[in-house]
Amino acid sequence: MIEWVVEASTFCHLRCAYCYQWDGLADRTRMPLDLWAKVFAAARDEHVARALRLGRAQHTQIIWHGGEPL
């Protein structure tokens, strides 16, 4: 299985004490749409390349991480 962990934003209103991104949680910057397109294209390309290389179907999972308001 191929796993991609994608973080569209670090902005979060939860402020969990264990969060390793504490200093950036107020940053409302988001991933621009052109970067989203590049991420999806890269995931697709890697999925196809690995399937061809291994000669069998692959499973790709995208995990949306961070950015609680997302």
C-alpha atoms as a PDB file:
ATOM      1  CA  MET A   1       0.000   0.000   0.000  1.00  0.00           C
ATOM      2  CA  ILE A   2       1.097   3.536  -0.752  1.00  0.00           C
ATOM      3  CA  GLU A   3       0.212   6.160   1.849  1.00  0.00           C
ATOM      4  CA  TRP A   4       0.361   9.901   1.309  1.00  0.00           C
ATOM      5  CA  VAL A   5      -0.065  12.192   4.300  1.00  0.00           C
ATOM      6  CA  VAL A   6      -1.190  15.613   3.103  1.00  0.00           C
ATOM      7  CA  GLU A   7      -1.568  18.670   5.290  1.00  0.00           C
ATOM      8  CA  ALA A   8      -3.573  21.431   3.619  1.00  0.00           C
ATOM      9  CA  SER A   9      -3.183  23.860   6.517  1.00  0.00           C
ATOM     10  CA  THR A  10      -1.681  24.003   9.987  1.00  0.00           C
ATOM     11  CA  PHE A  11      -4.454  26.275  11.259  1.00  0.00           C
ATOM     12  CA  CYS A  12      -6.317  24.570  14.073  1.00  0.00           C
ATOM     13  CA  HIS A  13      -8.575  25.779  16.861  1.00  0.00           C
ATOM     14  CA  LEU A  14      -8.167  22.708  19.088  1.00  0.00           C
ATOM     15  CA  ARG A  15      -4.715  23.538  20.531  1.00  0.00           C
ATOM     16  CA  CYS A  16      -4.051  20.015  21.785  1.00  0.00           C
ATOM     17  CA  ALA A  17      -1.246  20.007  24.349  1.00  0.00           C
ATOM     18  CA  TYR A  18       0.586  17.185  22.532  1.00  0.00           C
ATOM     19  CA  CYS A  19       0.605  18.940  19.138  1.00  0.00           C
ATOM     20  CA  TYR A  20       4.078  19.183  17.616  1.00  0.00           C
ATOM     21  CA  GLN A  21       3.016  22.189  15.492  1.00  0.00           C
ATOM     22  CA  TRP A  22       1.889  24.361  18.392  1.00  0.00           C
ATOM     23  CA  ASP A  23       3.711  27.504  17.185  1.00  0.00           C
ATOM     24  CA  GLY A  24       2.036  27.390  13.757  1.00  0.00           C
ATOM     25  CA  LEU A  25      -1.547  26.595  14.727  1.00  0.00           C
ATOM     26  CA  ALA A  26      -2.751  30.179  14.198  1.00  0.00           C
ATOM     27  CA  ASP A  27      -1.355  30.330  10.645  1.00  0.00           C
ATOM     28  CA  ARG A  28      -4.338  30.457   8.276  1.00  0.00           C
ATOM     29  CA  THR A  29      -2.233  29.838   5.167  1.00  0.00           C
ATOM     30  CA  ARG A  30      -3.641  27.036   3.027  1.00  0.00           C
ATOM     31  CA  MET A  31      -2.207  24.872   0.316  1.00  0.00           C
ATOM     32  CA  PRO A  32      -2.852  26.597  -3.034  1.00  0.00           C
ATOM     33  CA  LEU A  33      -4.990  24.799  -5.616  1.00  0.00           C
ATOM     34  CA  ASP A  34      -2.117  24.356  -8.057  1.00  0.00           C
ATOM     35  CA  LEU A  35      -0.210  22.462  -5.366  1.00  0.00           C
ATOM     36  CA  TRP A  36      -3.271  20.258  -4.722  1.00  0.00           C
ATOM     37  CA  ALA A  37      -3.206  19.352  -8.416  1.00  0.00           C
ATOM     38  CA  LYS A  38       0.506  18.471  -8.189  1.00  0.00           C
ATOM     39  CA  VAL A  39      -0.060  16.279  -5.128  1.00  0.00           C
ATOM     40  CA  PHE A  40      -2.875  14.354  -6.822  1.00  0.00           C
ATOM     41  CA  ALA A  41      -0.847  13.976 -10.028  1.00  0.00           C
ATOM     42  CA  ALA A  42       2.177  12.715  -8.066  1.00  0.00           C
ATOM     43  CA  ALA A  43      -0.002  10.223  -6.160  1.00  0.00           C
ATOM     44  CA  ARG A  44      -1.521   8.983  -9.414  1.00  0.00           C
ATOM     45  CA  ASP A  45       1.853   8.703 -11.138  1.00  0.00           C
ATOM     46  CA  GLU A  46       3.401   6.798  -8.228  1.00  0.00           C
ATOM     47  CA  HIS A  47       0.366   4.504  -8.041  1.00  0.00           C
ATOM     48  CA  VAL A  48       0.603   3.630 -11.747  1.00  0.00           C
ATOM     49  CA  ALA A  49       4.405   3.295 -11.720  1.00  0.00           C
ATOM     50  CA  ARG A  50       4.399   0.963  -8.733  1.00  0.00           C
ATOM     51  CA  ALA A  51       1.610  -1.170 -10.182  1.00  0.00           C
ATOM     52  CA  LEU A  52       3.550  -1.539 -13.439  1.00  0.00           C
ATOM     53  CA  ARG A  53       6.828  -2.246 -11.626  1.00  0.00           C
ATOM     54  CA  LEU A  54       5.307  -4.906  -9.360  1.00  0.00           C
ATOM     55  CA  GLY A  55       2.933  -6.307 -11.953  1.00  0.00           C
ATOM     56  CA  ARG A  56      -0.092  -6.234  -9.670  1.00  0.00           C
ATOM     57  CA  ALA A  57      -2.810  -3.881  -8.487  1.00  0.00           C
ATOM     58  CA  GLN A  58      -1.880  -1.371  -5.816  1.00  0.00           C
ATOM     59  CA  HIS A  59      -3.807   0.401  -3.099  1.00  0.00           C
ATOM     60  CA  THR A  60      -3.165   4.111  -2.564  1.00  0.00           C
ATOM     61  CA  GLN A  61      -4.426   5.949   0.488  1.00  0.00           C
ATOM     62  CA  ILE A  62      -4.387   9.714   1.016  1.00  0.00           C
ATOM     63  CA  ILE A  63      -4.568  10.810   4.648  1.00  0.00           C
ATOM     64  CA  TRP A  64      -5.710  14.387   5.247  1.00  0.00           C
ATOM     65  CA  HIS A  65      -3.773  15.565   8.282  1.00  0.00           C
ATOM     66  CA  GLY A  66      -4.040  18.749  10.319  1.00  0.00           C
ATOM     67  CA  GLY A  67      -6.004  21.882   9.684  1.00  0.00           C
ATOM     68  CA  GLU A  68      -8.976  21.124  11.926  1.00  0.00           C
ATOM     69  CA  PRO A  69     -11.308  23.641  10.181  1.00  0.00           C
ATOM     70  CA  LEU A  70     -10.706  21.742   6.928  1.00  0.00           C
END
